Amino acid sequence: MKSVKQIERENIKKAALFLQQSKNAVALTGAGIS
């Protein structure tokens, strides 16, 4: 069993990664539009 803290840490990492990817996607589409 994983501890709650381990799970929280993994979720934070996933969320950070997701934010980074969506920022990159927005930057790319923004560059494509302009």
C-alpha atoms as a PDB file:
ATOM      1  CA  MET A   1       0.000   0.000   0.000  1.00  0.00           C
ATOM      2  CA  LYS A   2       1.158   3.481  -0.805  1.00  0.00           C
ATOM      3  CA  SER A   3       0.967   6.086   1.899  1.00  0.00           C
ATOM      4  CA  VAL A   4      -1.324   9.069   1.430  1.00  0.00           C
ATOM      5  CA  LYS A   5       1.702  11.354   1.228  1.00  0.00           C
ATOM      6  CA  GLN A   6       3.208   9.288  -1.585  1.00  0.00           C
ATOM      7  CA  ILE A   7      -0.050   9.422  -3.520  1.00  0.00           C
ATOM      8  CA  GLU A   8      -0.368  13.171  -2.940  1.00  0.00           C
ATOM      9  CA  ARG A   9       3.193  13.708  -4.152  1.00  0.00           C
ATOM     10  CA  GLU A  10       2.509  11.704  -7.320  1.00  0.00           C
ATOM     11  CA  ASN A  11      -0.706  13.620  -7.963  1.00  0.00           C
ATOM     12  CA  ILE A  12       1.122  16.936  -7.555  1.00  0.00           C
ATOM     13  CA  LYS A  13       3.777  15.774 -10.024  1.00  0.00           C
ATOM     14  CA  LYS A  14       1.108  14.706 -12.511  1.00  0.00           C
ATOM     15  CA  ALA A  15      -0.730  18.010 -12.143  1.00  0.00           C
ATOM     16  CA  ALA A  16       2.491  19.991 -12.595  1.00  0.00           C
ATOM     17  CA  LEU A  17       3.358  17.972 -15.684  1.00  0.00           C
ATOM     18  CA  PHE A  18      -0.139  18.460 -17.091  1.00  0.00           C
ATOM     19  CA  LEU A  19       0.041  22.225 -16.511  1.00  0.00           C
ATOM     20  CA  GLN A  20       3.448  22.354 -18.199  1.00  0.00           C
ATOM     21  CA  GLN A  21       2.147  20.435 -21.222  1.00  0.00           C
ATOM     22  CA  SER A  22      -0.980  22.576 -21.571  1.00  0.00           C
ATOM     23  CA  LYS A  23       1.131  25.742 -21.317  1.00  0.00           C
ATOM     24  CA  ASN A  24       3.351  24.404 -24.102  1.00  0.00           C
ATOM     25  CA  ALA A  25       0.305  23.507 -26.188  1.00  0.00           C
ATOM     26  CA  VAL A  26      -1.179  26.989 -25.700  1.00  0.00           C
ATOM     27  CA  ALA A  27       2.159  28.574 -26.615  1.00  0.00           C
ATOM     28  CA  LEU A  28       2.374  26.460 -29.776  1.00  0.00           C
ATOM     29  CA  THR A  29      -1.194  27.137 -30.901  1.00  0.00           C
ATOM     30  CA  GLY A  30      -0.779  30.827 -30.037  1.00  0.00           C
ATOM     31  CA  ALA A  31       2.332  30.974 -32.207  1.00  0.00           C
ATOM     32  CA  GLY A  32       0.483  29.146 -34.980  1.00  0.00           C
ATOM     33  CA  ILE A  33      -2.464  31.564 -34.944  1.00  0.00           C
ATOM     34  CA  SER A  34      -0.471  34.808 -34.837  1.00  0.00           C
END
